[in-house]
Amino acid sequence: RIRIQWVPGHVGVEGNENADIGAKEAAQGSSTPLATHSILSQPLPRNKAAAIASYTKASKQTWAEQWKTSTNGKFTRCFDDAPPS
C-alpha cells in the first residue's frame, strides 16, 4: 500500500534556512572566494593529450614567428610566407 502525504517545505528549519542563504549568496557571487579552499588552490592535473596539443600549438606558433623574422628562406617566402612543414 502506498501512502501519499504532503510534507511542508523547509521554511523555519534553521539548517535549511542557512543553506538557502548560502545558496543565494553563491548565486549572486558574494560567497567565500575559492582561493581560500586549499584543495582548489592546487593546479589541476593535466590531461596527456591536452598537454601534447598545447605544446604542439605553441611550437608551431614559435616556428612561424621565427620563420617570418629569419633571414633564411627569403626566396621561398616570395611564393609562400607560411613556414615549411
PDB file of N, CA and C in Angstrom:
ATOM      1  N   ARG A   1       0.844  -1.175   0.000  1.00  0.00           N
ATOM      2  CA  ARG A   1       0.000   0.000   0.000  1.00  0.00           C
ATOM      3  C   ARG A   1       0.891   1.240   0.000  1.00  0.00           C
ATOM      4  N   ILE A   2       0.574   2.194  -0.857  1.00  0.00           N
ATOM      5  CA  ILE A   2       1.321   3.446  -0.946  1.00  0.00           C
ATOM      6  C   ILE A   2       0.532   4.540  -0.257  1.00  0.00           C
ATOM      7  N   ARG A   3       1.235   5.308   0.556  1.00  0.00           N
ATOM      8  CA  ARG A   3       0.592   6.411   1.271  1.00  0.00           C
ATOM      9  C   ARG A   3       1.239   7.712   0.807  1.00  0.00           C
ATOM     10  N   ILE A   4       0.445   8.642   0.350  1.00  0.00           N
ATOM     11  CA  ILE A   4       0.938   9.939  -0.093  1.00  0.00           C
ATOM     12  C   ILE A   4       0.547  10.963   0.952  1.00  0.00           C
ATOM     13  N   GLN A   5       1.552  11.739   1.377  1.00  0.00           N
ATOM     14  CA  GLN A   5       1.311  12.735   2.409  1.00  0.00           C
ATOM     15  C   GLN A   5       2.076  13.995   2.056  1.00  0.00           C
ATOM     16  N   TRP A   6       1.452  15.142   2.248  1.00  0.00           N
ATOM     17  CA  TRP A   6       2.095  16.415   1.998  1.00  0.00           C
ATOM     18  C   TRP A   6       3.122  16.676   3.089  1.00  0.00           C
ATOM     19  N   VAL A   7       4.301  17.124   2.659  1.00  0.00           N
ATOM     20  CA  VAL A   7       5.364  17.453   3.603  1.00  0.00           C
ATOM     21  C   VAL A   7       5.647  18.940   3.445  1.00  0.00           C
ATOM     22  N   PRO A   8       5.623  19.695   4.541  1.00  0.00           N
ATOM     23  CA  PRO A   8       5.865  21.134   4.426  1.00  0.00           C
ATOM     24  C   PRO A   8       7.293  21.420   3.955  1.00  0.00           C
ATOM     25  N   GLY A   9       7.468  22.569   3.330  1.00  0.00           N
ATOM     26  CA  GLY A   9       8.798  22.990   2.876  1.00  0.00           C
ATOM     27  C   GLY A   9       9.729  23.224   4.047  1.00  0.00           C
ATOM     28  N   HIS A  10      10.940  23.631   3.737  1.00  0.00           N
ATOM     29  CA  HIS A  10      11.946  23.795   4.783  1.00  0.00           C
ATOM     30  C   HIS A  10      11.855  25.146   5.488  1.00  0.00           C
ATOM     31  N   VAL A  11      10.806  25.872   5.288  1.00  0.00           N
ATOM     32  CA  VAL A  11      10.643  27.168   5.937  1.00  0.00           C
ATOM     33  C   VAL A  11      10.630  26.982   7.445  1.00  0.00           C
ATOM     34  N   GLY A  12      11.480  27.734   8.121  1.00  0.00           N
ATOM     35  CA  GLY A  12      11.535  27.676   9.572  1.00  0.00           C
ATOM     36  C   GLY A  12      12.520  26.660  10.115  1.00  0.00           C
ATOM     37  N   VAL A  13      13.096  25.825   9.285  1.00  0.00           N
ATOM     38  CA  VAL A  13      14.089  24.850   9.733  1.00  0.00           C
ATOM     39  C   VAL A  13      15.454  25.522   9.621  1.00  0.00           C
ATOM     40  N   GLU A  14      16.142  25.728  10.762  1.00  0.00           N
ATOM     41  CA  GLU A  14      17.356  26.547  10.803  1.00  0.00           C
ATOM     42  C   GLU A  14      18.441  26.078   9.833  1.00  0.00           C
ATOM     43  N   GLY A  15      18.755  24.807   9.810  1.00  0.00           N
ATOM     44  CA  GLY A  15      19.806  24.309   8.919  1.00  0.00           C
ATOM     45  C   GLY A  15      19.488  24.557   7.458  1.00  0.00           C
ATOM     46  N   ASN A  16      18.244  24.332   7.106  1.00  0.00           N
ATOM     47  CA  ASN A  16      17.838  24.555   5.723  1.00  0.00           C
ATOM     48  C   ASN A  16      17.792  26.039   5.386  1.00  0.00           C
ATOM     49  N   GLU A  17      17.416  26.861   6.343  1.00  0.00           N
ATOM     50  CA  GLU A  17      17.407  28.309   6.123  1.00  0.00           C
ATOM     51  C   GLU A  17      18.828  28.800   5.844  1.00  0.00           C
ATOM     52  N   ASN A  18      19.805  28.298   6.634  1.00  0.00           N
ATOM     53  CA  ASN A  18      21.203  28.686   6.418  1.00  0.00           C
ATOM     54  C   ASN A  18      21.692  28.233   5.046  1.00  0.00           C
ATOM     55  N   ALA A  19      21.307  27.036   4.646  1.00  0.00           N
ATOM     56  CA  ALA A  19      21.694  26.534   3.329  1.00  0.00           C
ATOM     57  C   ALA A  19      21.080  27.393   2.228  1.00  0.00           C
ATOM     58  N   ASP A  20      19.851  27.817   2.443  1.00  0.00           N
ATOM     59  CA  ASP A  20      19.164  28.667   1.476  1.00  0.00           C
ATOM     60  C   ASP A  20      19.884  30.005   1.330  1.00  0.00           C
ATOM     61  N   ILE A  21      20.292  30.587   2.450  1.00  0.00           N
ATOM     62  CA  ILE A  21      21.021  31.863   2.429  1.00  0.00           C
ATOM     63  C   ILE A  21      22.346  31.691   1.690  1.00  0.00           C
ATOM     64  N   GLY A  22      23.060  30.616   2.005  1.00  0.00           N
ATOM     65  CA  GLY A  22      24.339  30.355   1.342  1.00  0.00           C
ATOM     66  C   GLY A  22      24.186  30.163  -0.157  1.00  0.00           C
ATOM     67  N   ALA A  23      23.137  29.471  -0.562  1.00  0.00           N
ATOM     68  CA  ALA A  23      22.893  29.247  -1.988  1.00  0.00           C
ATOM     69  C   ALA A  23      22.597  30.562  -2.703  1.00  0.00           C
ATOM     70  N   LYS A  24      21.825  31.425  -2.064  1.00  0.00           N
ATOM     71  CA  LYS A  24      21.516  32.726  -2.662  1.00  0.00           C
ATOM     72  C   LYS A  24      22.770  33.582  -2.775  1.00  0.00           C
ATOM     73  N   GLU A  25      23.637  33.559  -1.745  1.00  0.00           N
ATOM     74  CA  GLU A  25      24.890  34.320  -1.794  1.00  0.00           C
ATOM     75  C   GLU A  25      25.784  33.819  -2.923  1.00  0.00           C
ATOM     76  N   ALA A  26      25.871  32.512  -3.061  1.00  0.00           N
ATOM     77  CA  ALA A  26      26.708  31.935  -4.116  1.00  0.00           C
ATOM     78  C   ALA A  26      26.178  32.317  -5.496  1.00  0.00           C
ATOM     79  N   ALA A  27      24.866  32.313  -5.651  1.00  0.00           N
ATOM     80  CA  ALA A  27      24.268  32.660  -6.936  1.00  0.00           C
ATOM     81  C   ALA A  27      24.514  34.120  -7.293  1.00  0.00           C
ATOM     82  N   GLN A  28      24.643  34.976  -6.277  1.00  0.00           N
ATOM     83  CA  GLN A  28      24.874  36.397  -6.503  1.00  0.00           C
ATOM     84  C   GLN A  28      26.360  36.734  -6.539  1.00  0.00           C
ATOM     85  N   GLY A  29      27.223  35.747  -6.348  1.00  0.00           N
ATOM     86  CA  GLY A  29      28.662  35.964  -6.423  1.00  0.00           C
ATOM     87  C   GLY A  29      29.282  36.527  -5.165  1.00  0.00           C
ATOM     88  N   SER A  30      28.587  36.486  -4.050  1.00  0.00           N
ATOM     89  CA  SER A  30      29.141  37.061  -2.825  1.00  0.00           C
ATOM     90  C   SER A  30      29.545  35.992  -1.818  1.00  0.00           C
ATOM     91  N   SER A  31      29.839  34.791  -2.298  1.00  0.00           N
ATOM     92  CA  SER A  31      30.239  33.726  -1.381  1.00  0.00           C
ATOM     93  C   SER A  31      31.742  33.787  -1.121  1.00  0.00           C
ATOM     94  N   THR A  32      32.234  32.877  -0.326  1.00  0.00           N
ATOM     95  CA  THR A  32      33.646  32.816   0.026  1.00  0.00           C
ATOM     96  C   THR A  32      34.492  32.625  -1.224  1.00  0.00           C
ATOM     97  N   PRO A  33      35.595  33.371  -1.362  1.00  0.00           N
ATOM     98  CA  PRO A  33      36.460  33.195  -2.534  1.00  0.00           C
ATOM     99  C   PRO A  33      37.008  31.770  -2.601  1.00  0.00           C
ATOM    100  N   LEU A  34      37.108  31.240  -3.802  1.00  0.00           N
ATOM    101  CA  LEU A  34      37.583  29.870  -3.976  1.00  0.00           C
ATOM    102  C   LEU A  34      39.032  29.706  -3.540  1.00  0.00           C
ATOM    103  N   ALA A  35      39.811  30.772  -3.586  1.00  0.00           N
ATOM    104  CA  ALA A  35      41.230  30.682  -3.246  1.00  0.00           C
ATOM    105  C   ALA A  35      41.451  30.300  -1.786  1.00  0.00           C
ATOM    106  N   THR A  36      40.448  30.492  -0.934  1.00  0.00           N
ATOM    107  CA  THR A  36      40.623  30.164   0.480  1.00  0.00           C
ATOM    108  C   THR A  36      40.518  28.663   0.730  1.00  0.00           C
ATOM    109  N   HIS A  37      40.009  27.922  -0.223  1.00  0.00           N
ATOM    110  CA  HIS A  37      39.895  26.474  -0.082  1.00  0.00           C
ATOM    111  C   HIS A  37      41.186  25.831  -0.578  1.00  0.00           C
ATOM    112  N   SER A  38      41.890  25.101   0.301  1.00  0.00           N
ATOM    113  CA  SER A  38      43.212  24.580  -0.043  1.00  0.00           C
ATOM    114  C   SER A  38      43.191  23.643  -1.245  1.00  0.00           C
ATOM    115  N   ILE A  39      42.185  22.817  -1.362  1.00  0.00           N
ATOM    116  CA  ILE A  39      42.170  21.872  -2.483  1.00  0.00           C
ATOM    117  C   ILE A  39      41.969  22.590  -3.811  1.00  0.00           C
ATOM    118  N   LEU A  40      41.304  23.733  -3.788  1.00  0.00           N
ATOM    119  CA  LEU A  40      41.056  24.471  -5.016  1.00  0.00           C
ATOM    120  C   LEU A  40      42.225  25.359  -5.413  1.00  0.00           C
ATOM    121  N   SER A  41      43.191  25.549  -4.525  1.00  0.00           N
ATOM    122  CA  SER A  41      44.336  26.388  -4.854  1.00  0.00           C
ATOM    123  C   SER A  41      45.448  25.587  -5.517  1.00  0.00           C
ATOM    124  N   GLN A  42      45.296  24.266  -5.590  1.00  0.00           N
ATOM    125  CA  GLN A  42      46.294  23.423  -6.238  1.00  0.00           C
ATOM    126  C   GLN A  42      45.976  23.323  -7.727  1.00  0.00           C
ATOM    127  N   PRO A  43      47.006  23.261  -8.571  1.00  0.00           N
ATOM    128  CA  PRO A  43      46.732  23.138 -10.005  1.00  0.00           C
ATOM    129  C   PRO A  43      46.100  21.788 -10.334  1.00  0.00           C
ATOM    130  N   LEU A  44      45.266  21.790 -11.343  1.00  0.00           N
ATOM    131  CA  LEU A  44      44.631  20.552 -11.776  1.00  0.00           C
ATOM    132  C   LEU A  44      45.644  19.692 -12.523  1.00  0.00           C
ATOM    133  N   PRO A  45      45.524  18.385 -12.428  1.00  0.00           N
ATOM    134  CA  PRO A  45      46.418  17.532 -13.210  1.00  0.00           C
ATOM    135  C   PRO A  45      46.125  17.716 -14.696  1.00  0.00           C
ATOM    136  N   ARG A  46      47.173  17.679 -15.525  1.00  0.00           N
ATOM    137  CA  ARG A  46      46.997  17.886 -16.955  1.00  0.00           C
ATOM    138  C   ARG A  46      46.701  16.579 -17.660  1.00  0.00           C
ATOM    139  N   ASN A  47      45.802  16.652 -18.573  1.00  0.00           N
ATOM    140  CA  ASN A  47      45.488  15.534 -19.440  1.00  0.00           C
ATOM    141  C   ASN A  47      46.636  15.401 -20.440  1.00  0.00           C
ATOM    142  N   LYS A  48      47.140  14.195 -20.656  1.00  0.00           N
ATOM    143  CA  LYS A  48      48.296  13.983 -21.530  1.00  0.00           C
ATOM    144  C   LYS A  48      48.025  14.494 -22.947  1.00  0.00           C
ATOM    145  N   ALA A  49      46.864  14.180 -23.494  1.00  0.00           N
ATOM    146  CA  ALA A  49      46.534  14.618 -24.853  1.00  0.00           C
ATOM    147  C   ALA A  49      46.450  16.138 -24.936  1.00  0.00           C
ATOM    148  N   ALA A  50      45.886  16.771 -23.910  1.00  0.00           N
ATOM    149  CA  ALA A  50      45.782  18.231 -23.895  1.00  0.00           C
ATOM    150  C   ALA A  50      47.161  18.866 -23.792  1.00  0.00           C
ATOM    151  N   ALA A  51      48.048  18.271 -23.003  1.00  0.00           N
ATOM    152  CA  ALA A  51      49.409  18.794 -22.867  1.00  0.00           C
ATOM    153  C   ALA A  51      50.156  18.702 -24.196  1.00  0.00           C
ATOM    154  N   ILE A  52      50.011  17.589 -24.888  1.00  0.00           N
ATOM    155  CA  ILE A  52      50.675  17.422 -26.187  1.00  0.00           C
ATOM    156  C   ILE A  52      50.124  18.423 -27.201  1.00  0.00           C
ATOM    157  N   ALA A  53      48.808  18.594 -27.228  1.00  0.00           N
ATOM    158  CA  ALA A  53      48.189  19.542 -28.155  1.00  0.00           C
ATOM    159  C   ALA A  53      48.647  20.965 -27.870  1.00  0.00           C
ATOM    160  N   SER A  54      48.727  21.325 -26.604  1.00  0.00           N
ATOM    161  CA  SER A  54      49.172  22.661 -26.214  1.00  0.00           C
ATOM    162  C   SER A  54      50.622  22.893 -26.625  1.00  0.00           C
ATOM    163  N   TYR A  55      51.473  21.905 -26.386  1.00  0.00           N
ATOM    164  CA  TYR A  55      52.887  22.004 -26.751  1.00  0.00           C
ATOM    165  C   TYR A  55      53.043  22.115 -28.270  1.00  0.00           C
ATOM    166  N   THR A  56      52.289  21.318 -29.015  1.00  0.00           N
ATOM    167  CA  THR A  56      52.361  21.345 -30.473  1.00  0.00           C
ATOM    168  C   THR A  56      51.934  22.705 -31.011  1.00  0.00           C
ATOM    169  N   LYS A  57      50.858  23.248 -30.469  1.00  0.00           N
ATOM    170  CA  LYS A  57      50.366  24.554 -30.911  1.00  0.00           C
ATOM    171  C   LYS A  57      51.396  25.643 -30.626  1.00  0.00           C
ATOM    172  N   ALA A  58      51.956  25.634 -29.424  1.00  0.00           N
ATOM    173  CA  ALA A  58      52.960  26.638 -29.058  1.00  0.00           C
ATOM    174  C   ALA A  58      54.204  26.502 -29.928  1.00  0.00           C
ATOM    175  N   SER A  59      54.608  25.282 -30.217  1.00  0.00           N
ATOM    176  CA  SER A  59      55.787  25.046 -31.056  1.00  0.00           C
ATOM    177  C   SER A  59      55.569  25.578 -32.467  1.00  0.00           C
ATOM    178  N   LYS A  60      54.379  25.333 -33.016  1.00  0.00           N
ATOM    179  CA  LYS A  60      54.075  25.815 -34.363  1.00  0.00           C
ATOM    180  C   LYS A  60      54.037  27.340 -34.410  1.00  0.00           C
ATOM    181  N   GLN A  61      53.502  27.961 -33.365  1.00  0.00           N
ATOM    182  CA  GLN A  61      53.466  29.427 -33.316  1.00  0.00           C
ATOM    183  C   GLN A  61      54.878  29.998 -33.238  1.00  0.00           C
ATOM    184  N   THR A  62      55.715  29.400 -32.408  1.00  0.00           N
ATOM    185  CA  THR A  62      57.101  29.858 -32.278  1.00  0.00           C
ATOM    186  C   THR A  62      57.832  29.695 -33.605  1.00  0.00           C
ATOM    187  N   TRP A  63      57.641  28.550 -34.255  1.00  0.00           N
ATOM    188  CA  TRP A  63      58.294  28.284 -35.534  1.00  0.00           C
ATOM    189  C   TRP A  63      57.837  29.297 -36.578  1.00  0.00           C
ATOM    190  N   ALA A  64      56.543  29.620 -36.618  1.00  0.00           N
ATOM    191  CA  ALA A  64      56.023  30.585 -37.584  1.00  0.00           C
ATOM    192  C   ALA A  64      56.620  31.972 -37.345  1.00  0.00           C
ATOM    193  N   GLU A  65      56.735  32.379 -36.089  1.00  0.00           N
ATOM    194  CA  GLU A  65      57.328  33.684 -35.765  1.00  0.00           C
ATOM    195  C   GLU A  65      58.795  33.728 -36.172  1.00  0.00           C
ATOM    196  N   GLN A  66      59.525  32.665 -35.886  1.00  0.00           N
ATOM    197  CA  GLN A  66      60.941  32.611 -36.250  1.00  0.00           C
ATOM    198  C   GLN A  66      61.110  32.605 -37.768  1.00  0.00           C
ATOM    199  N   TRP A  67      60.230  31.930 -38.467  1.00  0.00           N
ATOM    200  CA  TRP A  67      60.306  31.859 -39.922  1.00  0.00           C
ATOM    201  C   TRP A  67      60.094  33.240 -40.541  1.00  0.00           C
ATOM    202  N   LYS A  68      59.137  33.995 -40.012  1.00  0.00           N
ATOM    203  CA  LYS A  68      58.850  35.321 -40.570  1.00  0.00           C
ATOM    204  C   LYS A  68      59.993  36.306 -40.356  1.00  0.00           C
ATOM    205  N   THR A  69      60.724  36.170 -39.257  1.00  0.00           N
ATOM    206  CA  THR A  69      61.796  37.123 -38.949  1.00  0.00           C
ATOM    207  C   THR A  69      63.174  36.626 -39.363  1.00  0.00           C
ATOM    208  N   SER A  70      63.254  35.410 -39.862  1.00  0.00           N
ATOM    209  CA  SER A  70      64.542  34.827 -40.232  1.00  0.00           C
ATOM    210  C   SER A  70      65.054  35.421 -41.542  1.00  0.00           C
ATOM    211  N   THR A  71      66.379  35.481 -41.675  1.00  0.00           N
ATOM    212  CA  THR A  71      66.983  35.913 -42.938  1.00  0.00           C
ATOM    213  C   THR A  71      67.075  34.741 -43.910  1.00  0.00           C
ATOM    214  N   ASN A  72      66.916  33.534 -43.427  1.00  0.00           N
ATOM    215  CA  ASN A  72      66.924  32.347 -44.290  1.00  0.00           C
ATOM    216  C   ASN A  72      65.575  32.188 -44.975  1.00  0.00           C
ATOM    217  N   GLY A  73      65.583  31.678 -46.184  1.00  0.00           N
ATOM    218  CA  GLY A  73      64.341  31.368 -46.884  1.00  0.00           C
ATOM    219  C   GLY A  73      63.633  32.564 -47.485  1.00  0.00           C
ATOM    220  N   LYS A  74      64.330  33.684 -47.679  1.00  0.00           N
ATOM    221  CA  LYS A  74      63.672  34.869 -48.248  1.00  0.00           C
ATOM    222  C   LYS A  74      63.076  34.564 -49.620  1.00  0.00           C
ATOM    223  N   PHE A  75      63.810  33.823 -50.432  1.00  0.00           N
ATOM    224  CA  PHE A  75      63.323  33.491 -51.768  1.00  0.00           C
ATOM    225  C   PHE A  75      62.052  32.649 -51.688  1.00  0.00           C
ATOM    226  N   THR A  76      62.041  31.686 -50.807  1.00  0.00           N
ATOM    227  CA  THR A  76      60.879  30.811 -50.647  1.00  0.00           C
ATOM    228  C   THR A  76      59.667  31.608 -50.169  1.00  0.00           C
ATOM    229  N   ARG A  77      59.888  32.567 -49.270  1.00  0.00           N
ATOM    230  CA  ARG A  77      58.780  33.376 -48.739  1.00  0.00           C
ATOM    231  C   ARG A  77      58.134  34.243 -49.809  1.00  0.00           C
ATOM    232  N   CYS A  78      58.830  34.503 -50.906  1.00  0.00           N
ATOM    233  CA  CYS A  78      58.227  35.266 -52.009  1.00  0.00           C
ATOM    234  C   CYS A  78      57.026  34.518 -52.587  1.00  0.00           C
ATOM    235  N   PHE A  79      57.065  33.197 -52.536  1.00  0.00           N
ATOM    236  CA  PHE A  79      55.995  32.375 -53.097  1.00  0.00           C
ATOM    237  C   PHE A  79      54.965  31.969 -52.048  1.00  0.00           C
ATOM    238  N   ASP A  80      55.459  31.708 -50.838  1.00  0.00           N
ATOM    239  CA  ASP A  80      54.579  31.238 -49.763  1.00  0.00           C
ATOM    240  C   ASP A  80      55.195  31.648 -48.436  1.00  0.00           C
ATOM    241  N   ASP A  81      54.517  32.532 -47.716  1.00  0.00           N
ATOM    242  CA  ASP A  81      55.103  33.022 -46.458  1.00  0.00           C
ATOM    243  C   ASP A  81      54.843  32.100 -45.273  1.00  0.00           C
ATOM    244  N   ALA A  82      54.134  30.992 -45.501  1.00  0.00           N
ATOM    245  CA  ALA A  82      53.919  30.021 -44.416  1.00  0.00           C
ATOM    246  C   ALA A  82      55.212  29.251 -44.175  1.00  0.00           C
ATOM    247  N   PRO A  83      55.506  28.932 -42.925  1.00  0.00           N
ATOM    248  CA  PRO A  83      56.734  28.169 -42.661  1.00  0.00           C
ATOM    249  C   PRO A  83      56.650  26.782 -43.284  1.00  0.00           C
ATOM    250  N   PRO A  84      57.780  26.257 -43.747  1.00  0.00           N
ATOM    251  CA  PRO A  84      57.750  24.912 -44.319  1.00  0.00           C
ATOM    252  C   PRO A  84      57.332  23.879 -43.279  1.00  0.00           C
ATOM    253  N   SER A  85      56.639  22.868 -43.723  1.00  0.00           N
ATOM    254  CA  SER A  85      56.181  21.852 -42.772  1.00  0.00           C
ATOM    255  C   SER A  85      57.118  20.675 -42.731  1.00  0.00           C
TER     256      SER A  85
END
